[in-house]
Amino acid sequence: MKACEECKVVAPESAEFCPRCGRPLPDQTPDDVGPRVDRLLAEANLLRIRGNHDTAVEKCTEALQLQPGDPEVHSLLGDIYESQGKLEEAARWYQMAVELRPGHAIDEAKLERTRSRLENAKSAEQAAATASQQQAFLGASRLDKAMRYIVVFCVVAVLVLLAIGLVAWLFRQKPASEPATTAPVTRTPRQPEAAAPSPNPTISGPAIETLVRPAAEQQLLSNLATNPAISSHRLVVDDVTSDPRRRAFAVTFRIPNPPSPLTRLELLRDAAVVGAAAFAASPETTDITIRALVHLPGKYGPKEPHLVLVCDAARQASALDASRATEDQLRQLFSEQWWGPEVPR
């Protein structure tokens, strides 16, 4: 047999040219093939040890072209694929080596070892798949149980709310039904005296109605209570009273957490902020009276604010930046200033 040195095709000994590439074939005898195959196997084994598996496979393939029935080549290919972790390929080449060389203890041991590793790998894979399925089942079961608890809780909550609503509705309907049962009752002579208006009515009397603000004052109070500038200075607007005769109104604000010490400059800044917001909320207003309340720890009760400033604001307060204004500029904005004794000069 002859082999082309370029494309490695094995040709009959009678051939003079390569049937694939057409190159002249070297003269070689079967005695020359054996040493060449041994050299290729040695190179392939060295490449396998170094981890160059692809080139090692190429060397073995070249050796198979020279000697297709050599069991050493098949066994070495099994070693190469086993080193790569390709156990199925390795078992296939070991099986062919055993078939070419029956009773060879080394090849049979390699085949048995590879098959054992394959079975262990498949068992581990099946165990991992089973564990994954069990974990997924447990997760789904827990989720299903949690959803059931949530549904039961929602149903119970709805029933409780319905019961509360029914009780409240029955409670509101009860006073309306009482006059029908008490209508036939004869009034005592003292009832007219009880119905007579009292000069000093008490708040707890059922006939006393709660005093409400006019719509304009309520709207202005709501605008000032939600004003961003007032909220950012941590001020609270408590009251608004209007005087339509002079197109003026009074604003009472409170400082829940006053600075220590309490200074007139800080109070004037807060008053300027409230005044600017008030003029912006009511453009037709010409005069605003501002009253400032503070909580002074140690002097009064925790819920008893004290009046520390009363002044009249000019419309120029709406155009002044209170955070940068000086004390002189702030004083010019307010007239008729009255200061409580708690505020030092």
Foldseek 3Di string as FASTA:
>chain_A
DWADPPPLADDDQPDQADPPPGHGTDHDDLVVLVVQLVVLQVVLVVCLVVVVLVVSVVSLVSNCNSPVLDLSSLQVNLVSCVSVVNLVSSLVSLVSSCVSPPPDVVSVVSNVVSVVVVVVVVVVVVVVVVVVVVVVVVVVVVVVVVVVVVVVVVVVVVVVVVVVVVVVVVVVCVVVPVCVVCVVPDDDPCVVVVVDDDPDDDPPDPVDDDDDDPPVQVVLQVQLQPPPLLVVVQKGWDGKAADVVQLEIETEIEREDADPPHAPLVVLLSVLSSLLSSCVSPVSHAKYKYWYWYDDPPPDDSPDTDTFKIWMFGNCSNVDDSVPDDPVVSVVGTPPIDGDPSHDD
